[in-house]
């Protein structure tokens, strides 16, 4: 009887020892949880609540809050968008002017009218009149290359006659605007450019 009880205990121990532990389910962290990069970008939609009047430029533009312009060796208009680069979403536009220059020189500088090779919806080549200004807006997409994503090349050129022989050129260029960001913030950015208007007065800079 003693030996029988011993074998029962040994058999029970062996069976328990052979029972494998149940595997635990591993849940990898999501992309958002894995990234600790802060995100201070404003939330869409944004309204054009401010008017920026460009000093020494016959133009003004409507922009969202927190946008500003800095006059230096290079004049930069900048501010955040909902899909701009992290952490603050700030993008930059370069504002420049040239002249007075003879009309012949300005005509040579004017971009030729071209036709898009594809109907991708990004290409733009148009002219509009703002008071005494003739404004050319050109936009195209540069394909991704060498690890650099597809970029949007977007230039607004305004020509102001100074007299019968001379013209002054004003330009606004988007700096490092990716196609992905343009697609996401397109409505806001196009609204800003569409708001360009002749400046009623040159001061103050911000209203």
N, C-alpha and C. Protein backbone atom coordinates (compact mmCIF):
# COMPACT_ATOMS: atom_id res chain seq x y z
N UNK A 1 0.84 -1.21 0.00
CA UNK A 1 0.00 0.00 0.00
C UNK A 1 0.86 1.24 0.00
N UNK A 2 1.94 1.12 0.77
CA UNK A 2 2.87 2.25 0.84
C UNK A 2 3.48 2.54 -0.52
N UNK A 3 3.89 1.42 -1.24
CA UNK A 3 4.50 1.60 -2.56
C UNK A 3 3.49 2.15 -3.58
N UNK A 4 2.25 1.72 -3.44
CA UNK A 4 1.21 2.18 -4.37
C UNK A 4 1.00 3.69 -4.23
N UNK A 5 0.97 4.17 -3.01
CA UNK A 5 0.79 5.62 -2.79
C UNK A 5 1.96 6.41 -3.34
N UNK A 6 3.16 5.83 -3.19
CA UNK A 6 4.36 6.51 -3.70
C UNK A 6 4.29 6.66 -5.21
N UNK A 7 3.90 5.59 -5.93
CA UNK A 7 3.80 5.66 -7.40
C UNK A 7 2.73 6.67 -7.84
N UNK A 8 1.64 6.73 -7.11
CA UNK A 8 0.58 7.71 -7.45
C UNK A 8 1.12 9.13 -7.35
N UNK A 9 1.88 9.42 -6.30
CA UNK A 9 2.44 10.76 -6.12
C UNK A 9 3.44 11.08 -7.21
N UNK A 10 4.30 10.09 -7.56
CA UNK A 10 5.28 10.32 -8.63
C UNK A 10 4.61 10.57 -9.98
N UNK A 11 3.55 9.81 -10.28
CA UNK A 11 2.84 9.99 -11.54
C UNK A 11 2.18 11.35 -11.62
N UNK A 12 1.60 11.79 -10.51
CA UNK A 12 0.94 13.11 -10.47
C UNK A 12 1.96 14.21 -10.67
N UNK A 13 3.12 14.09 -10.07
CA UNK A 13 4.18 15.10 -10.21
C UNK A 13 4.69 15.18 -11.64
N UNK A 14 4.83 13.98 -12.28
CA UNK A 14 5.31 13.94 -13.66
C UNK A 14 4.33 14.61 -14.61
N UNK A 15 3.06 14.34 -14.42
CA UNK A 15 2.04 14.94 -15.29
C UNK A 15 2.00 16.46 -15.14
N UNK A 16 2.13 16.94 -13.92
CA UNK A 16 2.12 18.40 -13.69
C UNK A 16 3.35 19.05 -14.28
N UNK A 17 4.50 18.32 -14.20
CA UNK A 17 5.74 18.88 -14.73
C UNK A 17 5.71 18.99 -16.24
N UNK A 18 4.97 18.13 -16.91
CA UNK A 18 4.92 18.15 -18.39
C UNK A 18 3.98 19.20 -18.93
N UNK A 19 3.17 19.81 -18.13
CA UNK A 19 2.22 20.82 -18.60
C UNK A 19 2.96 22.10 -18.96
N UNK A 20 2.90 22.51 -20.22
CA UNK A 20 3.63 23.69 -20.70
C UNK A 20 2.93 24.98 -20.30
N UNK A 21 3.71 26.01 -19.97
CA UNK A 21 3.07 27.30 -19.63
C UNK A 21 2.43 27.92 -20.85
N UNK A 22 1.34 28.55 -20.65
CA UNK A 22 0.63 29.20 -21.75
C UNK A 22 1.38 30.45 -22.20
N UNK A 23 1.57 30.62 -23.54
CA UNK A 23 2.29 31.81 -24.03
C UNK A 23 1.48 33.08 -23.80
N UNK A 24 2.18 34.13 -23.46
CA UNK A 24 1.51 35.42 -23.28
C UNK A 24 1.47 36.17 -24.61
N UNK A 25 0.40 36.86 -24.83
CA UNK A 25 0.22 37.62 -26.07
C UNK A 25 0.97 38.94 -25.97
N UNK A 26 1.86 39.22 -26.98
CA UNK A 26 2.64 40.47 -26.98
C UNK A 26 1.98 41.48 -27.90
N UNK A 27 1.67 42.63 -27.38
CA UNK A 27 1.07 43.70 -28.18
C UNK A 27 2.11 44.79 -28.41
N UNK A 28 2.64 44.88 -29.64
CA UNK A 28 3.66 45.92 -29.91
C UNK A 28 3.06 47.30 -29.79
N UNK A 29 3.85 48.28 -29.36
CA UNK A 29 3.33 49.65 -29.23
C UNK A 29 2.96 50.22 -30.59
N UNK A 30 1.91 51.02 -30.62
CA UNK A 30 1.51 51.66 -31.86
C UNK A 30 2.53 52.71 -32.23
N UNK A 31 2.42 53.19 -33.48
CA UNK A 31 3.36 54.20 -33.95
C UNK A 31 3.30 55.45 -33.09
N UNK A 32 2.07 55.84 -32.73
CA UNK A 32 1.91 57.05 -31.93
C UNK A 32 2.53 56.87 -30.55
N UNK A 33 2.34 55.63 -29.96
CA UNK A 33 2.89 55.38 -28.63
C UNK A 33 4.41 55.31 -28.68
N UNK A 34 4.95 54.78 -29.82
CA UNK A 34 6.39 54.61 -29.92
C UNK A 34 7.10 55.93 -30.14
N UNK A 35 6.39 56.91 -30.71
CA UNK A 35 7.02 58.20 -31.01
C UNK A 35 6.78 59.17 -29.85
N UNK A 36 7.88 59.75 -29.37
CA UNK A 36 7.75 60.72 -28.29
C UNK A 36 7.98 62.14 -28.81
N UNK A 37 7.93 62.31 -30.16
CA UNK A 37 8.13 63.64 -30.74
C UNK A 37 6.93 64.52 -30.43
N UNK A 38 7.14 65.69 -29.85
CA UNK A 38 6.00 66.56 -29.52
C UNK A 38 5.33 67.11 -30.78
N UNK A 39 4.08 67.43 -30.66
CA UNK A 39 3.31 67.96 -31.79
C UNK A 39 2.53 69.18 -31.32
N UNK A 40 3.03 70.37 -31.68
CA UNK A 40 2.38 71.62 -31.27
C UNK A 40 1.66 72.29 -32.45
N UNK A 41 1.41 71.54 -33.51
CA UNK A 41 0.78 72.12 -34.68
C UNK A 41 -0.68 72.50 -34.40
N UNK A 42 -1.17 73.59 -35.01
CA UNK A 42 -2.56 73.97 -34.79
C UNK A 42 -3.50 72.96 -35.44
N UNK A 43 -4.70 72.90 -34.93
CA UNK A 43 -5.69 71.98 -35.47
C UNK A 43 -6.50 72.66 -36.57
N UNK A 44 -6.83 71.89 -37.59
CA UNK A 44 -7.67 72.40 -38.68
C UNK A 44 -9.13 72.45 -38.20
N UNK A 45 -9.93 73.34 -38.81
CA UNK A 45 -9.56 74.31 -39.85
C UNK A 45 -9.04 75.60 -39.23
N UNK A 46 -8.21 76.32 -40.01
CA UNK A 46 -7.72 77.63 -39.60
C UNK A 46 -8.40 78.70 -40.45
N UNK A 47 -8.68 79.82 -39.82
CA UNK A 47 -9.28 80.94 -40.55
C UNK A 47 -8.22 82.02 -40.76
N UNK A 48 -8.43 82.80 -41.81
CA UNK A 48 -7.49 83.88 -42.14
C UNK A 48 -7.88 85.13 -41.37
N UNK A 49 -7.36 85.23 -40.14
CA UNK A 49 -7.78 86.29 -39.22
C UNK A 49 -6.91 87.53 -39.25
N UNK A 50 -5.75 87.48 -39.90
CA UNK A 50 -4.83 88.63 -39.89
C UNK A 50 -4.56 89.10 -41.31
N UNK A 51 -4.29 90.38 -41.40
CA UNK A 51 -3.84 90.95 -42.67
C UNK A 51 -2.40 91.40 -42.51
N UNK A 52 -1.53 90.86 -43.33
CA UNK A 52 -0.13 91.29 -43.33
C UNK A 52 0.08 92.20 -44.52
N UNK A 53 0.54 93.42 -44.22
CA UNK A 53 0.89 94.37 -45.27
C UNK A 53 2.41 94.38 -45.40
N UNK A 54 2.90 94.10 -46.57
CA UNK A 54 4.33 94.03 -46.80
C UNK A 54 4.93 95.42 -46.90
N UNK A 55 5.89 95.72 -46.03
CA UNK A 55 6.55 97.03 -46.06
C UNK A 55 7.31 97.18 -47.38
N UNK A 56 7.10 98.32 -48.04
CA UNK A 56 7.73 98.62 -49.33
C UNK A 56 7.27 97.70 -50.45
N UNK A 57 6.16 97.01 -50.23
CA UNK A 57 5.56 96.20 -51.28
C UNK A 57 4.11 96.66 -51.44
N UNK A 58 3.61 96.72 -52.67
CA UNK A 58 2.22 97.18 -52.87
C UNK A 58 1.21 96.05 -52.68
N UNK A 59 1.48 95.13 -51.74
CA UNK A 59 0.64 93.95 -51.56
C UNK A 59 0.31 93.72 -50.10
N UNK A 60 -0.80 93.04 -49.87
CA UNK A 60 -1.16 92.56 -48.56
C UNK A 60 -1.79 91.19 -48.71
N UNK A 61 -1.77 90.41 -47.62
CA UNK A 61 -2.27 89.03 -47.66
C UNK A 61 -2.95 88.69 -46.35
N UNK A 62 -4.01 87.91 -46.44
CA UNK A 62 -4.69 87.38 -45.26
C UNK A 62 -4.02 86.08 -44.82
N UNK A 63 -3.75 85.96 -43.52
CA UNK A 63 -3.07 84.79 -42.98
C UNK A 63 -3.72 84.39 -41.66
N UNK A 64 -3.44 83.16 -41.17
CA UNK A 64 -3.96 82.75 -39.87
C UNK A 64 -3.23 83.47 -38.73
N UNK A 65 -3.77 83.34 -37.54
CA UNK A 65 -3.09 83.83 -36.34
C UNK A 65 -1.73 83.14 -36.21
N UNK A 66 -0.81 83.81 -35.53
CA UNK A 66 0.55 83.33 -35.27
C UNK A 66 1.44 83.39 -36.50
N UNK A 67 0.92 83.93 -37.61
CA UNK A 67 1.78 84.15 -38.76
C UNK A 67 2.41 85.53 -38.64
N UNK A 68 3.65 85.66 -39.14
CA UNK A 68 4.35 86.94 -39.03
C UNK A 68 5.35 87.04 -40.18
N UNK A 69 5.91 88.23 -40.34
CA UNK A 69 6.90 88.47 -41.38
C UNK A 69 8.15 89.07 -40.74
N UNK A 70 9.30 88.63 -41.18
CA UNK A 70 10.57 89.12 -40.65
C UNK A 70 11.39 89.72 -41.78
N UNK A 71 11.76 90.99 -41.59
CA UNK A 71 12.55 91.71 -42.59
C UNK A 71 14.02 91.64 -42.21
N UNK A 72 14.82 91.07 -43.10
CA UNK A 72 16.25 90.95 -42.85
C UNK A 72 16.93 90.93 -44.22
N UNK A 73 18.11 90.33 -44.28
CA UNK A 73 18.77 90.18 -45.57
C UNK A 73 17.83 89.46 -46.53
N UNK A 74 17.13 88.45 -46.00
CA UNK A 74 16.06 87.77 -46.74
C UNK A 74 14.77 87.96 -45.96
N UNK A 75 13.73 88.42 -46.65
CA UNK A 75 12.44 88.64 -46.00
C UNK A 75 11.66 87.33 -45.99
N UNK A 76 11.24 86.91 -44.78
CA UNK A 76 10.57 85.62 -44.61
C UNK A 76 9.18 85.82 -44.02
N UNK A 77 8.18 85.28 -44.69
CA UNK A 77 6.83 85.19 -44.15
C UNK A 77 6.65 83.76 -43.66
N UNK A 78 6.27 83.59 -42.39
CA UNK A 78 6.19 82.24 -41.84
C UNK A 78 5.07 82.11 -40.83
N UNK A 79 4.66 80.86 -40.63
CA UNK A 79 3.62 80.58 -39.66
C UNK A 79 3.26 79.11 -39.70
N UNK A 80 2.52 78.62 -38.68
CA UNK A 80 2.19 77.20 -38.60
C UNK A 80 0.96 76.82 -39.42
N UNK A 81 0.97 75.58 -39.91
CA UNK A 81 -0.19 74.99 -40.56
C UNK A 81 -0.47 73.64 -39.88
N UNK A 82 -1.68 73.12 -40.03
CA UNK A 82 -2.01 71.86 -39.36
C UNK A 82 -1.13 70.69 -39.76
N UNK A 83 -0.57 70.72 -40.97
CA UNK A 83 0.23 69.59 -41.45
C UNK A 83 1.65 69.98 -41.80
N UNK A 84 2.12 71.10 -41.26
CA UNK A 84 3.51 71.50 -41.44
C UNK A 84 4.43 70.57 -40.68
N UNK A 85 5.74 70.74 -40.82
CA UNK A 85 6.69 69.84 -40.15
C UNK A 85 6.60 69.97 -38.63
N UNK A 86 6.73 68.83 -37.96
CA UNK A 86 6.73 68.84 -36.49
C UNK A 86 8.02 69.49 -35.99
N UNK A 87 8.03 70.09 -34.78
CA UNK A 87 6.95 70.02 -33.79
C UNK A 87 5.91 71.13 -33.90
N UNK A 88 6.26 72.27 -34.53
CA UNK A 88 5.35 73.42 -34.49
C UNK A 88 4.59 73.65 -35.79
N UNK A 89 4.92 72.93 -36.86
CA UNK A 89 4.18 73.06 -38.11
C UNK A 89 4.48 74.30 -38.91
N UNK A 90 5.57 75.02 -38.58
CA UNK A 90 5.87 76.29 -39.25
C UNK A 90 6.43 76.05 -40.65
N UNK A 91 5.88 76.76 -41.64
CA UNK A 91 6.41 76.76 -42.99
C UNK A 91 6.87 78.17 -43.33
N UNK A 92 7.66 78.30 -44.40
CA UNK A 92 8.27 79.58 -44.73
C UNK A 92 8.04 79.94 -46.20
N UNK A 93 7.82 81.23 -46.41
CA UNK A 93 7.73 81.79 -47.76
C UNK A 93 8.76 82.91 -47.87
N UNK A 94 9.49 82.93 -48.96
CA UNK A 94 10.47 83.98 -49.19
C UNK A 94 9.81 85.10 -50.00
N UNK A 95 9.95 86.33 -49.52
CA UNK A 95 9.39 87.49 -50.19
C UNK A 95 10.55 88.35 -50.70
N UNK A 96 10.51 88.71 -51.98
CA UNK A 96 11.63 89.47 -52.55
C UNK A 96 11.12 90.49 -53.56
N UNK A 97 12.00 91.42 -53.92
CA UNK A 97 11.65 92.40 -54.95
C UNK A 97 12.90 92.77 -55.73
N UNK A 98 12.70 93.18 -56.96
CA UNK A 98 13.80 93.57 -57.84
C UNK A 98 13.36 94.79 -58.64
N UNK A 99 14.32 95.65 -58.91
CA UNK A 99 14.03 96.81 -59.75
C UNK A 99 14.06 98.11 -59.01
N UNK A 100 13.71 99.21 -59.74
CA UNK A 100 13.14 99.21 -61.09
C UNK A 100 14.11 98.67 -62.15
N UNK A 101 13.54 97.94 -63.11
CA UNK A 101 14.28 97.39 -64.22
C UNK A 101 13.59 97.76 -65.53
N UNK A 102 14.37 97.87 -66.61
CA UNK A 102 13.73 98.15 -67.90
C UNK A 102 12.73 97.07 -68.26
N UNK A 103 11.68 97.43 -68.95
CA UNK A 103 10.64 96.48 -69.30
C UNK A 103 11.19 95.30 -70.08
N UNK A 104 12.20 95.57 -70.93
CA UNK A 104 12.79 94.48 -71.70
C UNK A 104 13.41 93.42 -70.82
N UNK A 105 14.06 93.85 -69.74
CA UNK A 105 14.67 92.90 -68.81
C UNK A 105 13.59 92.11 -68.08
N UNK A 106 12.56 92.78 -67.64
CA UNK A 106 11.46 92.12 -66.93
C UNK A 106 10.77 91.11 -67.84
N UNK A 107 10.56 91.47 -69.10
CA UNK A 107 9.93 90.54 -70.04
C UNK A 107 10.76 89.27 -70.18
N UNK A 108 12.08 89.42 -70.16
CA UNK A 108 12.96 88.25 -70.26
C UNK A 108 12.90 87.40 -68.99
N UNK A 109 12.59 88.03 -67.84
CA UNK A 109 12.50 87.30 -66.58
C UNK A 109 11.16 86.59 -66.40
N UNK A 110 10.14 87.02 -67.13
CA UNK A 110 8.83 86.43 -66.97
C UNK A 110 8.86 84.95 -67.36
N UNK A 111 8.27 84.11 -66.55
CA UNK A 111 8.27 82.68 -66.88
C UNK A 111 7.43 82.40 -68.11
N UNK A 112 7.90 81.55 -69.01
CA UNK A 112 7.11 81.23 -70.19
C UNK A 112 5.87 80.45 -69.83
N UNK A 113 4.82 80.65 -70.59
CA UNK A 113 3.60 79.89 -70.37
C UNK A 113 3.81 78.48 -70.87
N UNK A 114 3.60 77.51 -70.00
CA UNK A 114 3.81 76.11 -70.36
C UNK A 114 2.54 75.32 -70.13
N UNK A 115 2.53 74.12 -70.64
CA UNK A 115 1.40 73.23 -70.46
C UNK A 115 1.84 72.02 -69.63
N UNK A 116 0.98 71.53 -68.78
CA UNK A 116 1.36 70.39 -67.94
C UNK A 116 1.53 69.12 -68.76
N UNK A 117 2.51 68.28 -68.37
CA UNK A 117 2.70 67.01 -69.05
C UNK A 117 1.67 65.99 -68.58
N UNK A 118 1.13 66.19 -67.38
CA UNK A 118 0.09 65.31 -66.86
C UNK A 118 -0.99 66.17 -66.21
N UNK A 119 -2.17 65.63 -66.16
CA UNK A 119 -3.27 66.35 -65.51
C UNK A 119 -3.35 65.89 -64.06
N UNK A 120 -2.35 66.29 -63.27
CA UNK A 120 -2.27 65.82 -61.88
C UNK A 120 -2.97 66.75 -60.90
N UNK A 121 -3.48 67.88 -61.37
CA UNK A 121 -4.19 68.78 -60.48
C UNK A 121 -3.30 69.71 -59.69
N UNK A 122 -1.99 69.55 -59.79
CA UNK A 122 -1.07 70.41 -59.07
C UNK A 122 -0.56 71.56 -59.94
N UNK A 123 -0.50 71.33 -61.24
CA UNK A 123 0.04 72.33 -62.15
C UNK A 123 -0.87 73.55 -62.20
N UNK A 124 -0.24 74.72 -62.20
CA UNK A 124 -0.99 75.97 -62.34
C UNK A 124 -0.14 76.98 -63.06
N UNK A 125 -0.75 77.69 -63.98
CA UNK A 125 -0.06 78.73 -64.73
C UNK A 125 -1.11 79.77 -65.12
N UNK A 126 -1.25 80.80 -64.29
CA UNK A 126 -2.31 81.77 -64.52
C UNK A 126 -1.86 83.20 -64.30
N UNK A 127 -2.66 84.11 -64.84
CA UNK A 127 -2.40 85.54 -64.72
C UNK A 127 -3.66 86.22 -64.21
N UNK A 128 -3.49 87.16 -63.30
CA UNK A 128 -4.62 87.98 -62.84
C UNK A 128 -4.14 89.41 -62.62
N UNK A 129 -5.07 90.32 -62.60
CA UNK A 129 -4.77 91.74 -62.42
C UNK A 129 -5.23 92.18 -61.04
N UNK A 130 -4.32 92.78 -60.28
CA UNK A 130 -4.63 93.35 -58.97
C UNK A 130 -4.30 94.83 -59.02
N UNK A 131 -5.31 95.65 -59.28
CA UNK A 131 -5.04 97.09 -59.42
C UNK A 131 -4.12 97.34 -60.58
N UNK A 132 -2.96 97.94 -60.32
CA UNK A 132 -1.98 98.20 -61.37
C UNK A 132 -0.96 97.07 -61.50
N UNK A 133 -1.14 96.03 -60.71
CA UNK A 133 -0.20 94.90 -60.72
C UNK A 133 -0.69 93.80 -61.65
N UNK A 134 0.25 93.22 -62.39
CA UNK A 134 -0.01 92.02 -63.18
C UNK A 134 0.64 90.85 -62.45
N UNK A 135 -0.17 89.88 -62.03
CA UNK A 135 0.31 88.81 -61.16
C UNK A 135 0.31 87.48 -61.91
N UNK A 136 1.48 86.83 -61.93
CA UNK A 136 1.63 85.50 -62.51
C UNK A 136 1.76 84.49 -61.37
N UNK A 137 0.97 83.43 -61.42
CA UNK A 137 1.07 82.36 -60.43
C UNK A 137 1.42 81.06 -61.14
N UNK A 138 2.54 80.47 -60.75
CA UNK A 138 2.98 79.22 -61.36
C UNK A 138 3.25 78.19 -60.29
N UNK A 139 2.77 76.96 -60.56
CA UNK A 139 2.95 75.87 -59.60
C UNK A 139 3.14 74.55 -60.35
N UNK A 140 4.09 73.77 -59.87
CA UNK A 140 4.35 72.46 -60.46
C UNK A 140 4.91 71.55 -59.38
N UNK A 141 5.03 70.27 -59.68
CA UNK A 141 5.55 69.28 -58.74
C UNK A 141 6.85 68.71 -59.27
N UNK A 142 7.86 68.70 -58.43
CA UNK A 142 9.14 68.08 -58.76
C UNK A 142 9.15 66.68 -58.17
N UNK A 143 9.45 65.70 -59.02
CA UNK A 143 9.39 64.30 -58.60
C UNK A 143 10.39 64.01 -57.49
N UNK A 144 10.06 63.02 -56.67
CA UNK A 144 10.97 62.58 -55.61
C UNK A 144 12.26 62.03 -56.21
N UNK A 145 13.37 62.34 -55.57
CA UNK A 145 14.66 61.87 -56.07
C UNK A 145 15.69 61.87 -54.95
N UNK A 146 16.57 60.89 -54.97
CA UNK A 146 17.67 60.84 -54.01
C UNK A 146 17.25 60.91 -52.57
N UNK A 147 16.14 60.27 -52.21
CA UNK A 147 15.68 60.30 -50.83
C UNK A 147 14.88 61.54 -50.46
N UNK A 148 14.79 62.51 -51.37
CA UNK A 148 14.00 63.72 -51.14
C UNK A 148 12.59 63.49 -51.67
N UNK A 149 11.55 63.76 -50.87
CA UNK A 149 10.18 63.52 -51.33
C UNK A 149 9.79 64.48 -52.45
N UNK A 150 8.69 64.19 -53.11
CA UNK A 150 8.17 65.08 -54.15
C UNK A 150 7.88 66.45 -53.54
N UNK A 151 8.34 67.49 -54.21
CA UNK A 151 8.20 68.85 -53.69
C UNK A 151 7.36 69.70 -54.64
N UNK A 152 6.66 70.67 -54.06
CA UNK A 152 5.85 71.61 -54.85
C UNK A 152 6.64 72.90 -55.06
N UNK A 153 6.82 73.27 -56.31
CA UNK A 153 7.45 74.54 -56.64
C UNK A 153 6.33 75.53 -56.96
N UNK A 154 6.25 76.59 -56.12
CA UNK A 154 5.09 77.50 -56.20
C UNK A 154 5.62 78.93 -56.10
N UNK A 155 5.43 79.69 -57.16
CA UNK A 155 5.95 81.07 -57.23
C UNK A 155 4.84 82.01 -57.67
N UNK A 156 4.73 83.14 -56.96
CA UNK A 156 3.80 84.21 -57.33
C UNK A 156 4.64 85.44 -57.66
N UNK A 157 4.51 85.94 -58.87
CA UNK A 157 5.29 87.10 -59.34
C UNK A 157 4.35 88.23 -59.68
N UNK A 158 4.59 89.41 -59.11
CA UNK A 158 3.76 90.59 -59.37
C UNK A 158 4.62 91.67 -60.03
N UNK A 159 4.13 92.20 -61.14
CA UNK A 159 4.86 93.21 -61.90
C UNK A 159 4.15 94.55 -61.78
N UNK A 160 4.90 95.55 -61.32
CA UNK A 160 4.35 96.89 -61.10
C UNK A 160 5.04 97.89 -62.02
N UNK A 161 4.29 98.55 -62.88
CA UNK A 161 4.92 99.58 -63.73
C UNK A 161 5.34 100.78 -62.90
N UNK A 162 6.59 101.19 -63.06
CA UNK A 162 7.10 102.38 -62.36
C UNK A 162 6.88 103.62 -63.21
N UNK A 163 7.18 103.50 -64.49
CA UNK A 163 6.92 104.54 -65.48
C UNK A 163 6.77 103.85 -66.84
N UNK A 164 6.86 104.62 -67.90
CA UNK A 164 6.65 104.04 -69.23
C UNK A 164 7.75 103.06 -69.63
N UNK A 165 8.90 103.14 -68.98
CA UNK A 165 10.04 102.33 -69.41
C UNK A 165 10.49 101.29 -68.38
N UNK A 166 10.03 101.44 -67.15
CA UNK A 166 10.58 100.59 -66.08
C UNK A 166 9.47 99.87 -65.30
N UNK A 167 9.84 98.71 -64.78
CA UNK A 167 8.92 97.85 -64.03
C UNK A 167 9.63 97.33 -62.79
N UNK A 168 8.87 97.15 -61.71
CA UNK A 168 9.42 96.53 -60.51
C UNK A 168 8.79 95.15 -60.32
N UNK A 169 9.60 94.18 -59.90
CA UNK A 169 9.16 92.80 -59.74
C UNK A 169 9.11 92.42 -58.26
N UNK A 170 7.98 91.88 -57.83
CA UNK A 170 7.82 91.34 -56.48
C UNK A 170 7.51 89.85 -56.59
N UNK A 171 8.13 89.05 -55.71
CA UNK A 171 7.91 87.61 -55.76
C UNK A 171 7.68 87.01 -54.38
N UNK A 172 6.86 85.96 -54.36
CA UNK A 172 6.63 85.15 -53.16
C UNK A 172 6.86 83.70 -53.55
N UNK A 173 7.77 83.03 -52.85
CA UNK A 173 8.11 81.63 -53.14
C UNK A 173 7.94 80.77 -51.90
N UNK A 174 7.27 79.64 -52.04
CA UNK A 174 7.19 78.68 -50.95
C UNK A 174 8.52 77.96 -50.83
N UNK A 175 8.98 77.78 -49.59
CA UNK A 175 10.27 77.16 -49.33
C UNK A 175 10.06 75.75 -48.75
N UNK A 176 10.63 74.75 -49.43
CA UNK A 176 10.59 73.36 -48.94
C UNK A 176 9.17 72.89 -48.64
N UNK A 177 8.28 73.07 -49.60
CA UNK A 177 6.90 72.62 -49.44
C UNK A 177 6.75 71.25 -50.11
N UNK A 178 6.55 70.21 -49.32
CA UNK A 178 6.41 68.87 -49.89
C UNK A 178 5.02 68.69 -50.49
N UNK A 179 4.95 67.75 -51.42
CA UNK A 179 3.66 67.47 -52.06
C UNK A 179 2.66 66.94 -51.03
N UNK A 180 3.14 66.10 -50.11
CA UNK A 180 2.26 65.54 -49.10
C UNK A 180 1.66 66.64 -48.23
N UNK A 181 2.48 67.60 -47.80
CA UNK A 181 1.96 68.68 -46.98
C UNK A 181 1.02 69.57 -47.77
N UNK A 182 1.38 69.83 -49.03
CA UNK A 182 0.51 70.66 -49.87
C UNK A 182 -0.87 70.03 -50.01
N UNK A 183 -0.91 68.72 -50.25
CA UNK A 183 -2.20 68.05 -50.40
C UNK A 183 -3.05 68.20 -49.15
N UNK A 184 -2.42 68.08 -47.98
CA UNK A 184 -3.18 68.13 -46.73
C UNK A 184 -3.61 69.55 -46.36
N UNK A 185 -2.76 70.54 -46.66
CA UNK A 185 -3.05 71.94 -46.30
C UNK A 185 -3.47 72.77 -47.52
N UNK A 186 -3.83 72.10 -48.59
CA UNK A 186 -4.08 72.80 -49.87
C UNK A 186 -5.12 73.90 -49.75
N UNK A 187 -6.24 73.61 -49.14
CA UNK A 187 -7.32 74.60 -49.05
C UNK A 187 -6.85 75.86 -48.33
N UNK A 188 -6.13 75.69 -47.23
CA UNK A 188 -5.63 76.84 -46.47
C UNK A 188 -4.62 77.64 -47.29
N UNK A 189 -3.64 76.97 -47.89
CA UNK A 189 -2.59 77.67 -48.63
C UNK A 189 -3.14 78.38 -49.86
N UNK A 190 -4.04 77.74 -50.57
CA UNK A 190 -4.63 78.39 -51.75
C UNK A 190 -5.49 79.58 -51.35
N UNK A 191 -6.15 79.49 -50.19
CA UNK A 191 -6.94 80.63 -49.72
C UNK A 191 -6.05 81.82 -49.40
N UNK A 192 -4.88 81.55 -48.83
CA UNK A 192 -3.94 82.63 -48.53
C UNK A 192 -3.49 83.33 -49.81
N UNK A 193 -3.09 82.56 -50.81
CA UNK A 193 -2.63 83.16 -52.07
C UNK A 193 -3.76 83.88 -52.77
N UNK A 194 -4.97 83.32 -52.71
CA UNK A 194 -6.12 83.98 -53.35
C UNK A 194 -6.46 85.30 -52.67
N UNK A 195 -6.05 85.46 -51.40
CA UNK A 195 -6.36 86.69 -50.66
C UNK A 195 -5.42 87.85 -51.00
N UNK A 196 -4.36 87.59 -51.77
CA UNK A 196 -3.46 88.68 -52.15
C UNK A 196 -4.25 89.83 -52.76
N UNK A 197 -3.93 91.04 -52.32
CA UNK A 197 -4.65 92.21 -52.79
C UNK A 197 -3.72 93.42 -52.78
N UNK A 198 -4.04 94.45 -53.56
CA UNK A 198 -3.24 95.68 -53.49
C UNK A 198 -3.33 96.28 -52.10
N UNK A 199 -2.21 96.70 -51.55
CA UNK A 199 -2.20 97.29 -50.21
C UNK A 199 -2.80 98.68 -50.28
N UNK A 200 -3.70 98.97 -49.34
CA UNK A 200 -4.30 100.29 -49.28
C UNK A 200 -3.35 101.31 -48.73
N UNK A 201 -2.49 100.85 -47.82
CA UNK A 201 -1.47 101.73 -47.23
C UNK A 201 -0.33 100.86 -46.77
N UNK A 202 0.83 101.45 -46.56
CA UNK A 202 2.02 100.68 -46.23
C UNK A 202 2.29 100.53 -44.74
N UNK A 203 1.48 101.15 -43.89
CA UNK A 203 1.66 101.01 -42.47
C UNK A 203 0.29 100.94 -41.81
N UNK A 204 0.14 100.22 -40.70
CA UNK A 204 1.17 99.43 -40.04
C UNK A 204 1.41 98.12 -40.77
N UNK A 205 2.42 97.34 -40.31
CA UNK A 205 2.74 96.08 -40.95
C UNK A 205 1.66 95.06 -40.71
N UNK A 206 1.15 94.98 -39.48
CA UNK A 206 0.11 94.02 -39.13
C UNK A 206 -1.14 94.75 -38.67
N UNK A 207 -2.27 94.22 -39.04
CA UNK A 207 -3.54 94.78 -38.56
C UNK A 207 -4.30 93.71 -37.81
